[in-house]
Amino acid sequence: MTTERLVVRVKPGSSKGPLVVDEGESGFVVYVREKAIDGKANDGVVSALAEHLKVPRSRITVVRGHTARIKQIAIER
């Protein structure tokens, strides 16, 4: 199994969400409806990416930036 790393910019509390926008070289922008309270936005990011990339949620983890809007995500494929 290989691990791929992505950089994502998160927009919590967005009415657009859940939406994943691929910005090419600069990574992804993930819009989620959940607010950044008690890790709910992180859960929303994992769910949105899992659906967008068509991988199980269990294979996606937030590696860095748990409390930041810019996060590093690991995806096992």
C-alpha atoms as a PDB file:
ATOM      1  CA  MET A   1       0.000   0.000   0.000  1.00  0.00           C
ATOM      2  CA  THR A   2       1.269   3.486  -0.809  1.00  0.00           C
ATOM      3  CA  THR A   3       0.617   6.679   1.107  1.00  0.00           C
ATOM      4  CA  GLU A   4      -0.100   9.867  -0.763  1.00  0.00           C
ATOM      5  CA  ARG A   5       0.078  13.295   0.924  1.00  0.00           C
ATOM      6  CA  LEU A   6      -2.145  16.239   0.020  1.00  0.00           C
ATOM      7  CA  VAL A   7      -2.262  19.823   1.195  1.00  0.00           C
ATOM      8  CA  VAL A   8      -5.796  21.125   1.640  1.00  0.00           C
ATOM      9  CA  ARG A   9      -7.182  24.504   2.598  1.00  0.00           C
ATOM     10  CA  VAL A  10     -10.364  24.220   4.637  1.00  0.00           C
ATOM     11  CA  LYS A  11     -13.334  26.595   4.622  1.00  0.00           C
ATOM     12  CA  PRO A  12     -15.381  25.571   7.691  1.00  0.00           C
ATOM     13  CA  GLY A  13     -18.972  26.700   8.181  1.00  0.00           C
ATOM     14  CA  SER A  14     -19.495  27.182   4.455  1.00  0.00           C
ATOM     15  CA  SER A  15     -22.941  27.035   2.879  1.00  0.00           C
ATOM     16  CA  LYS A  16     -21.289  25.592  -0.258  1.00  0.00           C
ATOM     17  CA  GLY A  17     -20.209  22.443   1.568  1.00  0.00           C
ATOM     18  CA  PRO A  18     -19.486  19.663   1.259  1.00  0.00           C
ATOM     19  CA  LEU A  19     -17.465  20.571  -1.826  1.00  0.00           C
ATOM     20  CA  VAL A  20     -13.904  19.759  -2.921  1.00  0.00           C
ATOM     21  CA  VAL A  21     -12.217  22.043  -5.465  1.00  0.00           C
ATOM     22  CA  ASP A  22      -8.980  20.887  -7.103  1.00  0.00           C
ATOM     23  CA  GLU A  23      -6.651  23.862  -7.563  1.00  0.00           C
ATOM     24  CA  GLY A  24      -3.902  21.914  -9.302  1.00  0.00           C
ATOM     25  CA  GLU A  25      -0.403  22.534  -7.961  1.00  0.00           C
ATOM     26  CA  SER A  26      -1.611  24.412  -4.877  1.00  0.00           C
ATOM     27  CA  GLY A  27      -3.726  21.475  -3.666  1.00  0.00           C
ATOM     28  CA  PHE A  28      -7.406  21.281  -2.798  1.00  0.00           C
ATOM     29  CA  VAL A  29      -9.889  23.650  -1.192  1.00  0.00           C
ATOM     30  CA  VAL A  30     -12.471  21.804   0.904  1.00  0.00           C
ATOM     31  CA  TYR A  31     -15.703  23.571   1.858  1.00  0.00           C
ATOM     32  CA  VAL A  32     -17.527  21.953   4.787  1.00  0.00           C
ATOM     33  CA  ARG A  33     -20.720  22.935   6.601  1.00  0.00           C
ATOM     34  CA  GLU A  34     -19.370  21.897  10.013  1.00  0.00           C
ATOM     35  CA  LYS A  35     -17.917  24.587  12.251  1.00  0.00           C
ATOM     36  CA  ALA A  36     -14.345  24.300  13.534  1.00  0.00           C
ATOM     37  CA  ILE A  37     -15.480  23.171  16.987  1.00  0.00           C
ATOM     38  CA  ASP A  38     -14.348  19.930  18.673  1.00  0.00           C
ATOM     39  CA  GLY A  39     -12.834  18.569  15.452  1.00  0.00           C
ATOM     40  CA  LYS A  40     -16.130  18.494  13.563  1.00  0.00           C
ATOM     41  CA  ALA A  41     -14.641  20.361  10.584  1.00  0.00           C
ATOM     42  CA  ASN A  42     -11.840  17.773  10.385  1.00  0.00           C
ATOM     43  CA  ASP A  43     -14.450  15.004  10.239  1.00  0.00           C
ATOM     44  CA  GLY A  44     -16.227  16.900   7.475  1.00  0.00           C
ATOM     45  CA  VAL A  45     -12.974  17.269   5.527  1.00  0.00           C
ATOM     46  CA  VAL A  46     -12.264  13.533   5.769  1.00  0.00           C
ATOM     47  CA  SER A  47     -15.810  12.707   4.610  1.00  0.00           C
ATOM     48  CA  ALA A  48     -15.713  15.155   1.699  1.00  0.00           C
ATOM     49  CA  LEU A  49     -12.305  13.941   0.512  1.00  0.00           C
ATOM     50  CA  ALA A  50     -13.334  10.285   0.840  1.00  0.00           C
ATOM     51  CA  GLU A  51     -16.349  10.883  -1.369  1.00  0.00           C
ATOM     52  CA  HIS A  52     -14.425  13.022  -3.871  1.00  0.00           C
ATOM     53  CA  LEU A  53     -11.470  10.608  -4.175  1.00  0.00           C
ATOM     54  CA  LYS A  54     -13.644   7.486  -3.898  1.00  0.00           C
ATOM     55  CA  VAL A  55     -11.676   5.902  -1.040  1.00  0.00           C
ATOM     56  CA  PRO A  56     -12.944   4.686   2.343  1.00  0.00           C
ATOM     57  CA  ARG A  57     -12.901   7.221   5.198  1.00  0.00           C
ATOM     58  CA  SER A  58     -10.688   4.866   7.198  1.00  0.00           C
ATOM     59  CA  ARG A  59      -7.841   5.411   4.707  1.00  0.00           C
ATOM     60  CA  ILE A  60      -7.759   9.196   5.131  1.00  0.00           C
ATOM     61  CA  THR A  61      -6.120  10.883   8.119  1.00  0.00           C
ATOM     62  CA  VAL A  62      -5.200  14.444   9.057  1.00  0.00           C
ATOM     63  CA  VAL A  63      -1.429  14.390   9.603  1.00  0.00           C
ATOM     64  CA  ARG A  64      -0.728  18.061  10.359  1.00  0.00           C
ATOM     65  CA  GLY A  65      -2.821  21.132  10.979  1.00  0.00           C
ATOM     66  CA  HIS A  66      -5.541  19.698  13.206  1.00  0.00           C
ATOM     67  CA  THR A  67      -6.440  23.202  14.411  1.00  0.00           C
ATOM     68  CA  ALA A  68      -5.390  25.135  11.288  1.00  0.00           C
ATOM     69  CA  ARG A  69      -7.177  25.875   8.038  1.00  0.00           C
ATOM     70  CA  ILE A  70      -4.287  24.477   6.000  1.00  0.00           C
ATOM     71  CA  LYS A  71      -3.931  20.763   6.629  1.00  0.00           C
ATOM     72  CA  GLN A  72      -1.734  17.936   5.446  1.00  0.00           C
ATOM     73  CA  ILE A  73      -3.722  14.812   4.663  1.00  0.00           C
ATOM     74  CA  ALA A  74      -2.439  11.245   4.215  1.00  0.00           C
ATOM     75  CA  ILE A  75      -4.319   8.851   1.945  1.00  0.00           C
ATOM     76  CA  GLU A  76      -3.524   5.138   1.871  1.00  0.00           C
ATOM     77  CA  ARG A  77      -4.126   3.560  -1.512  1.00  0.00           C
END
